[in-house]
């Protein structure tokens, strides 16, 4: 094998995955019964031929729902385009320093690719925590619940071992009566929790006010994107004194954190979905700007697999150490992409389809 410089990229592999979900998972008012994505694995080799392999998940939240309709309001990129971009990068990375990953992340037009490449660089260079320092906040689960779950599913979510502090409830999906009754059922089962309500822009201001007025205000942390027209969100705060969170709004290319916070009274939190937003540097800038105005930032999943969820917990530890992230989606996945071994984790090759391998051994798999 040809000698390489210290800490250069010696191989790159791109995989595709397709995992069935049961039960289905909500994407706003839509439902999905499978999750597709990619895994990018890179090996660094130093001049002593010591190898370090790291992988990341890159999975835009797009595609089709259970009705065959396009998923709306989340990623603006397709998985096929993302994989094509990653395959184009594969050969270019061989023999390069890991710093080239940051250069590519800064120029990629795909948010998921920018996030994945910057995350890969951080992992290769030990820039993320190697373990969770404050498990009380970072490892506690915030259960995701919604009308339509069986009583058994609800019990499993709310009566798990450990202390629950918060519960995320999808609202504005069925009738007000059903959802109010459901929330009181949640509070009966777990009276200690506070509520993170998520309306996904499902209410008019009047509907939101009527709905929230039926609930105990002291139990509501915030309501995410309450109004169909986001410009109406401040009305909720003005009428009820309840703060709201921004989620989908962050995906707009024109979104500016400081302008939003200073011009829209009542913003209590930003729900940060890294796979939808871009590089770690961009996330850090956004979070620091929000924190400077006293606005919470909560890392949230985009329905990633176990690889993505594990990494998001480390990102949350690094960027929002005092907030519990919203990562409760793994129980629906029928397979994991990583295998636990007595030594180091390994990729679950039976759950992955190799698209291309570049570098060492010059092994190339089937192309797209």
Protein backbone atom coordinates (compact mmCIF):
# COMPACT_ATOMS: atom_id res chain seq x y z
CA UNK A 1 0.00 0.00 0.00
CA UNK A 2 1.27 3.43 -0.88
CA UNK A 3 2.42 5.42 2.17
CA UNK A 4 0.20 8.30 3.23
CA UNK A 5 0.89 11.44 5.17
CA UNK A 6 0.11 11.59 8.89
CA UNK A 7 -3.62 11.53 9.55
CA UNK A 8 -4.89 11.44 6.00
CA UNK A 9 -8.06 9.86 4.67
CA UNK A 10 -7.24 6.43 3.30
CA UNK A 11 -10.71 5.06 2.52
CA UNK A 12 -14.28 6.25 2.12
CA UNK A 13 -17.46 4.17 1.97
CA UNK A 14 -21.00 5.31 1.23
CA UNK A 15 -23.92 3.10 2.28
CA UNK A 16 -27.67 3.31 1.86
CA UNK A 17 -30.22 2.01 4.37
CA UNK A 18 -33.98 1.40 4.33
CA UNK A 19 -35.53 0.48 7.70
CA UNK A 20 -39.17 -0.38 8.37
CA UNK A 21 -40.91 1.48 11.22
CA UNK A 22 -43.52 0.02 13.55
CA UNK A 23 -45.50 1.81 14.72
CA UNK A 24 -45.51 4.57 12.15
CA UNK A 25 -43.91 7.87 13.15
CA UNK A 26 -45.48 11.33 12.79
CA UNK A 27 -43.94 13.90 10.47
CA UNK A 28 -46.16 16.87 11.30
CA UNK A 29 -49.64 15.60 10.28
CA UNK A 30 -48.20 12.96 7.97
CA UNK A 31 -47.05 9.47 8.93
CA UNK A 32 -44.12 7.39 7.68
CA UNK A 33 -43.69 3.62 7.91
CA UNK A 34 -40.04 3.48 6.84
CA UNK A 35 -36.89 5.58 7.10
CA UNK A 36 -34.26 5.87 4.40
CA UNK A 37 -30.83 7.42 4.67
CA UNK A 38 -27.12 7.12 4.05
CA UNK A 39 -24.05 6.34 6.14
CA UNK A 40 -20.66 7.83 5.31
CA UNK A 41 -17.69 5.92 6.75
CA UNK A 42 -14.14 7.29 6.61
CA UNK A 43 -10.83 5.74 7.64
CA UNK A 44 -7.88 7.89 8.67
CA UNK A 45 -4.38 6.40 8.50
CA UNK A 46 -1.25 7.94 10.01
CA UNK A 47 2.38 7.43 9.02
CA UNK A 48 2.66 4.52 11.45
CA UNK A 49 -0.27 2.88 9.60
CA UNK A 50 -2.55 3.25 12.60
CA UNK A 51 -6.15 3.36 11.42
CA UNK A 52 -9.13 5.20 12.85
CA UNK A 53 -12.58 4.61 11.34
CA UNK A 54 -15.55 6.87 12.00
CA UNK A 55 -19.00 7.01 10.45
CA UNK A 56 -21.97 9.38 10.42
CA UNK A 57 -25.55 9.17 9.29
CA UNK A 58 -26.74 11.57 6.59
CA UNK A 59 -30.50 11.31 6.21
CA UNK A 60 -32.61 14.19 4.89
CA UNK A 61 -36.20 14.08 6.11
CA UNK A 62 -37.88 13.82 2.74
CA UNK A 63 -39.50 11.16 0.57
CA UNK A 64 -43.08 9.89 0.77
CA UNK A 65 -45.53 9.15 3.57
CA UNK A 66 -47.84 6.17 4.12
CA UNK A 67 -50.34 7.68 1.67
CA UNK A 68 -47.74 7.98 -1.07
CA UNK A 69 -47.63 11.78 -0.72
CA UNK A 70 -44.43 13.83 -0.61
CA UNK A 71 -43.28 14.77 2.88
CA UNK A 72 -43.69 18.54 3.17
CA UNK A 73 -42.11 21.19 5.35
CA UNK A 74 -38.82 19.54 6.25
CA UNK A 75 -35.73 18.73 4.12
CA UNK A 76 -35.54 20.44 0.76
CA UNK A 77 -33.22 17.77 -0.66
CA UNK A 78 -33.74 14.20 -1.84
CA UNK A 79 -31.78 11.22 -0.57
CA UNK A 80 -30.75 10.29 -4.12
CA UNK A 81 -29.22 13.73 -4.66
CA UNK A 82 -27.44 13.53 -1.32
CA UNK A 83 -25.98 10.10 -2.12
CA UNK A 84 -24.84 11.29 -5.54
CA UNK A 85 -23.06 14.20 -3.84
CA UNK A 86 -21.37 11.87 -1.33
CA UNK A 87 -20.23 9.52 -4.11
CA UNK A 88 -18.75 12.49 -5.99
CA UNK A 89 -16.78 13.39 -2.86
CA UNK A 90 -15.52 9.85 -2.18
CA UNK A 91 -12.54 9.76 -4.56
CA UNK A 92 -11.73 13.43 -3.91
CA UNK A 93 -11.20 12.73 -0.20
CA UNK A 94 -8.58 10.00 -0.59
CA UNK A 95 -5.12 11.11 0.56
CA UNK A 96 -6.45 14.38 1.98
CA UNK A 97 -6.39 15.77 5.49
CA UNK A 98 -9.63 15.52 7.44
CA UNK A 99 -9.79 19.33 7.24
CA UNK A 100 -11.08 18.99 3.68
CA UNK A 101 -14.35 17.78 5.21
CA UNK A 102 -14.92 21.27 6.62
CA UNK A 103 -14.21 22.84 3.23
CA UNK A 104 -16.78 20.59 1.58
CA UNK A 105 -19.29 21.19 4.38
CA UNK A 106 -18.96 24.95 3.89
CA UNK A 107 -19.71 24.71 0.17
CA UNK A 108 -22.35 21.95 0.05
CA UNK A 109 -25.82 23.04 -1.02
CA UNK A 110 -27.36 20.21 1.01
CA UNK A 111 -27.96 20.89 4.72
CA UNK A 112 -27.76 17.20 5.65
CA UNK A 113 -24.42 16.79 3.85
CA UNK A 114 -23.01 19.94 5.47
CA UNK A 115 -24.02 18.66 8.89
CA UNK A 116 -22.71 15.14 8.25
CA UNK A 117 -19.32 16.25 6.93
CA UNK A 118 -18.76 18.74 9.75
CA UNK A 119 -19.83 16.12 12.29
CA UNK A 120 -17.45 13.60 10.74
CA UNK A 121 -14.61 16.11 11.03
CA UNK A 122 -15.47 16.75 14.69
CA UNK A 123 -15.50 13.02 15.47
CA UNK A 124 -12.22 12.35 13.64
CA UNK A 125 -10.57 15.18 15.53
CA UNK A 126 -12.04 14.41 18.96
CA UNK A 127 -13.97 17.67 19.09
CA UNK A 128 -17.11 16.10 20.55
CA UNK A 129 -17.45 14.70 24.07
CA UNK A 130 -16.37 11.08 24.30
CA UNK A 131 -19.08 10.47 26.89
CA UNK A 132 -22.06 12.20 28.47
CA UNK A 133 -20.92 14.29 31.44
CA UNK A 134 -24.39 15.15 32.75
CA UNK A 135 -26.61 12.11 32.13
CA UNK A 136 -29.40 13.58 34.23
CA UNK A 137 -30.23 16.01 31.43
CA UNK A 138 -28.65 14.41 28.36
CA UNK A 139 -29.69 10.78 28.77
CA UNK A 140 -33.20 11.25 30.14
CA UNK A 141 -35.81 10.57 27.48
CA UNK A 142 -38.48 13.08 26.50
CA UNK A 143 -41.24 10.70 25.34
CA UNK A 144 -43.07 11.55 22.13
CA UNK A 145 -46.82 10.84 22.45
CA UNK A 146 -49.94 11.60 20.41
CA UNK A 147 -53.59 10.70 20.02
CA UNK A 148 -53.90 7.30 18.38
CA UNK A 149 -51.36 5.52 20.56
CA UNK A 150 -52.67 2.47 22.36
CA UNK A 151 -52.95 2.52 26.14
CA UNK A 152 -50.12 -0.02 26.26
CA UNK A 153 -47.88 2.18 24.10
CA UNK A 154 -48.69 5.18 26.28
CA UNK A 155 -47.89 3.25 29.46
CA UNK A 156 -44.59 2.08 27.96
CA UNK A 157 -43.62 5.65 27.15
CA UNK A 158 -44.67 7.26 30.41
CA UNK A 159 -44.06 4.56 33.01
CA UNK A 160 -40.50 3.67 32.00
CA UNK A 161 -37.71 3.37 34.51
CA UNK A 162 -36.11 6.62 35.55
CA UNK A 163 -37.50 10.08 36.10
CA UNK A 164 -39.41 11.83 33.35
CA UNK A 165 -39.25 15.60 33.42
CA UNK A 166 -40.91 16.50 30.10
CA UNK A 167 -43.21 14.93 27.55
CA UNK A 168 -43.62 16.02 23.94
CA UNK A 169 -47.23 15.88 22.71
CA UNK A 170 -48.29 16.24 19.09
CA UNK A 171 -51.40 18.43 18.89
CA UNK A 172 -53.59 20.04 16.20
CA UNK A 173 -53.93 16.65 14.56
CA UNK A 174 -57.38 15.44 15.61
CA UNK A 175 -60.25 17.11 17.49
CA UNK A 176 -59.70 19.52 20.35
CA UNK A 177 -61.79 17.34 22.68
CA UNK A 178 -59.72 14.23 21.92
CA UNK A 179 -56.42 16.01 22.38
CA UNK A 180 -57.40 17.78 25.61
CA UNK A 181 -58.60 14.46 27.05
CA UNK A 182 -55.39 12.77 25.89
CA UNK A 183 -53.20 15.40 27.58
CA UNK A 184 -55.06 15.00 30.86
CA UNK A 185 -54.53 11.25 30.54
CA UNK A 186 -50.78 11.91 30.10
CA UNK A 187 -50.76 14.11 33.21
CA UNK A 188 -52.68 11.49 35.18
CA UNK A 189 -50.09 8.83 34.33
CA UNK A 190 -47.08 11.14 34.82
CA UNK A 191 -48.19 14.06 37.02
CA UNK A 192 -44.63 15.30 37.53
CA UNK A 193 -43.98 16.18 33.88
CA UNK A 194 -44.21 19.42 31.98
CA UNK A 195 -45.51 19.53 28.41
CA UNK A 196 -43.74 20.40 25.20
CA UNK A 197 -46.67 20.78 22.82
CA UNK A 198 -46.05 20.60 19.08
CA UNK A 199 -48.75 21.95 16.75
CA UNK A 200 -46.72 21.95 13.51
CA UNK A 201 -48.53 25.12 12.39
CA UNK A 202 -51.90 23.47 12.81
CA UNK A 203 -54.02 26.14 14.56
CA UNK A 204 -55.53 29.49 13.81
CA UNK A 205 -54.77 31.92 16.67
CA UNK A 206 -58.32 31.53 17.96
CA UNK A 207 -58.10 27.73 17.92
CA UNK A 208 -54.74 27.78 19.67
CA UNK A 209 -56.01 30.11 22.41
CA UNK A 210 -59.17 28.03 22.95
CA UNK A 211 -57.11 24.84 23.09
CA UNK A 212 -54.44 26.12 25.46
CA UNK A 213 -57.03 27.71 27.73
CA UNK A 214 -58.31 24.19 28.48
CA UNK A 215 -54.93 23.09 29.86
CA UNK A 216 -53.05 23.93 33.08
CA UNK A 217 -50.71 26.75 32.09
CA UNK A 218 -48.14 25.85 34.71
CA UNK A 219 -47.63 22.50 32.98
CA UNK A 220 -46.78 23.96 29.55
CA UNK A 221 -43.11 24.60 28.76
CA UNK A 222 -43.99 25.93 25.30
CA UNK A 223 -45.98 25.14 22.19
CA UNK A 224 -44.04 24.62 18.96
CA UNK A 225 -45.17 26.52 15.88
CA UNK A 226 -48.77 27.01 17.07
CA UNK A 227 -50.19 29.00 14.15
CA UNK A 228 -50.81 28.26 10.49
CA UNK A 229 -49.41 31.72 9.79
CA UNK A 230 -46.23 32.05 11.92
CA UNK A 231 -46.72 35.82 12.04
CA UNK A 232 -49.69 35.12 14.34
CA UNK A 233 -47.62 33.29 16.95
CA UNK A 234 -47.05 36.36 19.17
CA UNK A 235 -50.82 36.58 19.69
CA UNK A 236 -50.60 33.41 21.80
CA UNK A 237 -48.06 35.04 24.09
CA UNK A 238 -49.94 38.32 24.25
CA UNK A 239 -53.25 36.65 25.12
CA UNK A 240 -52.13 33.86 27.44
CA UNK A 241 -48.57 34.65 28.51
CA UNK A 242 -47.47 31.26 27.17
CA UNK A 243 -44.25 31.09 25.21
CA UNK A 244 -43.95 29.36 21.87
CA UNK A 245 -41.08 27.63 20.11
CA UNK A 246 -39.88 27.85 16.52
CA UNK A 247 -39.15 24.67 14.57
CA UNK A 248 -40.15 24.73 10.89
CA UNK A 249 -39.36 28.46 10.79
CA UNK A 250 -35.67 27.66 11.22
CA UNK A 251 -35.68 25.83 7.86
CA UNK A 252 -36.35 29.01 5.91
CA UNK A 253 -33.26 30.25 4.03
CA UNK A 254 -34.14 33.78 5.18
CA UNK A 255 -34.45 32.91 8.88
CA UNK A 256 -32.33 35.13 11.12
CA UNK A 257 -32.20 34.29 14.82
CA UNK A 258 -31.74 37.81 16.15
CA UNK A 259 -34.39 39.34 13.90
CA UNK A 260 -36.88 36.64 14.88
CA UNK A 261 -36.29 37.02 18.62
CA UNK A 262 -36.32 40.82 18.62
CA UNK A 263 -39.34 41.18 16.33
CA UNK A 264 -41.56 38.31 17.55
CA UNK A 265 -42.42 38.64 21.26
CA UNK A 266 -42.86 35.39 23.15
CA UNK A 267 -40.28 33.09 21.58
CA UNK A 268 -39.25 30.73 24.35
CA UNK A 269 -37.21 28.14 22.49
CA UNK A 270 -35.67 27.11 19.19
CA UNK A 271 -36.06 23.46 18.23
CA UNK A 272 -32.80 22.71 16.46
CA UNK A 273 -32.85 19.80 14.00
CA UNK A 274 -29.23 19.59 12.80
CA UNK A 275 -29.98 17.33 9.81
CA UNK A 276 -32.21 20.08 8.41
CA UNK A 277 -30.05 23.09 9.23
CA UNK A 278 -26.43 22.49 8.19
CA UNK A 279 -22.95 22.46 9.63
CA UNK A 280 -21.96 22.38 13.28
CA UNK A 281 -20.48 25.86 12.86
CA UNK A 282 -23.85 27.19 11.71
CA UNK A 283 -25.64 25.45 14.56
CA UNK A 284 -23.21 26.88 17.10
CA UNK A 285 -23.68 30.42 15.75
CA UNK A 286 -27.47 30.05 15.89
CA UNK A 287 -27.46 28.65 19.41
CA UNK A 288 -25.05 31.27 20.76
CA UNK A 289 -27.16 34.06 19.26
CA UNK A 290 -30.35 32.65 20.82
CA UNK A 291 -28.71 32.15 24.21
CA UNK A 292 -27.51 35.76 24.19
CA UNK A 293 -31.21 36.75 24.28
CA UNK A 294 -32.15 34.17 26.89
CA UNK A 295 -33.91 31.84 24.45
CA UNK A 296 -33.57 28.09 25.02
CA UNK A 297 -32.26 25.82 22.27
CA UNK A 298 -33.22 22.15 22.21
CA UNK A 299 -31.55 19.64 19.91
CA UNK A 300 -34.17 17.45 18.25
CA UNK A 301 -34.02 14.48 15.91
CA UNK A 302 -35.23 14.27 12.34
CA UNK A 303 -36.19 10.63 12.89
CA UNK A 304 -32.63 9.37 12.45
CA UNK A 305 -31.48 5.82 13.13
CA UNK A 306 -29.39 4.77 16.12
CA UNK A 307 -26.21 6.22 14.56
CA UNK A 308 -27.77 9.64 14.21
CA UNK A 309 -29.43 9.57 17.63
CA UNK A 310 -26.17 8.62 19.38
CA UNK A 311 -24.37 11.49 17.65
CA UNK A 312 -27.15 13.99 18.36
CA UNK A 313 -26.84 13.22 22.05
CA UNK A 314 -23.14 14.13 21.87
CA UNK A 315 -23.93 17.28 19.85
CA UNK A 316 -26.48 18.23 22.50
CA UNK A 317 -23.89 17.63 25.23
CA UNK A 318 -21.47 19.91 23.39
CA UNK A 319 -23.83 22.73 22.34
CA UNK A 320 -26.77 22.63 24.77
CA UNK A 321 -25.47 20.82 27.88
CA UNK A 322 -28.24 22.08 30.16
CA UNK A 323 -31.15 21.00 27.96
CA UNK A 324 -32.66 17.54 27.52
CA UNK A 325 -32.76 16.80 23.77
CA UNK A 326 -35.83 15.47 21.98
CA UNK A 327 -34.66 12.10 20.64
CA UNK A 328 -37.48 9.64 21.36
CA UNK A 329 -37.99 7.92 18.00
CA UNK A 330 -35.74 4.84 18.03
CA UNK A 331 -38.28 2.39 19.46
CA UNK A 332 -40.10 2.30 16.11
CA UNK A 333 -37.01 1.17 14.16
CA UNK A 334 -36.99 -2.53 13.25
CA UNK A 335 -33.18 -2.63 12.87
CA UNK A 336 -30.10 -0.88 14.16
CA UNK A 337 -27.22 0.28 11.97
CA UNK A 338 -24.60 -0.40 14.64
CA UNK A 339 -23.71 -3.63 16.40
CA UNK A 340 -22.52 -3.59 19.98
CA UNK A 341 -19.35 -5.63 20.40
CA UNK A 342 -17.08 -6.28 23.40
CA UNK A 343 -14.53 -3.84 21.95
CA UNK A 344 -15.66 -1.20 19.44
CA UNK A 345 -19.03 -0.69 17.72
CA UNK A 346 -19.30 -2.10 14.21
CA UNK A 347 -21.57 -1.28 11.31
CA UNK A 348 -24.41 -3.74 10.83
CA UNK A 349 -23.64 -4.76 7.28
CA UNK A 350 -26.91 -6.72 6.99
CA UNK A 351 -28.87 -3.47 7.38
CA UNK A 352 -26.72 -1.50 4.92
CA UNK A 353 -26.23 -1.56 1.17
CA UNK A 354 -22.75 -0.49 0.02
CA UNK A 355 -22.94 2.08 -2.79
CA UNK A 356 -19.27 2.93 -3.30
CA UNK A 357 -15.92 2.29 -1.63
CA UNK A 358 -12.87 4.38 -2.51
CA UNK A 359 -9.29 4.15 -1.33
CA UNK A 360 -7.61 1.18 0.28
CA UNK A 361 -7.85 -1.95 -1.91
CA UNK A 362 -9.53 0.25 -4.54
CA UNK A 363 -12.70 -1.71 -4.01
CA UNK A 364 -15.70 -0.21 -5.80
CA UNK A 365 -19.22 -1.50 -5.27
CA UNK A 366 -22.25 -1.12 -7.48
CA UNK A 367 -22.89 2.45 -8.50
CA UNK A 368 -26.20 4.27 -8.16
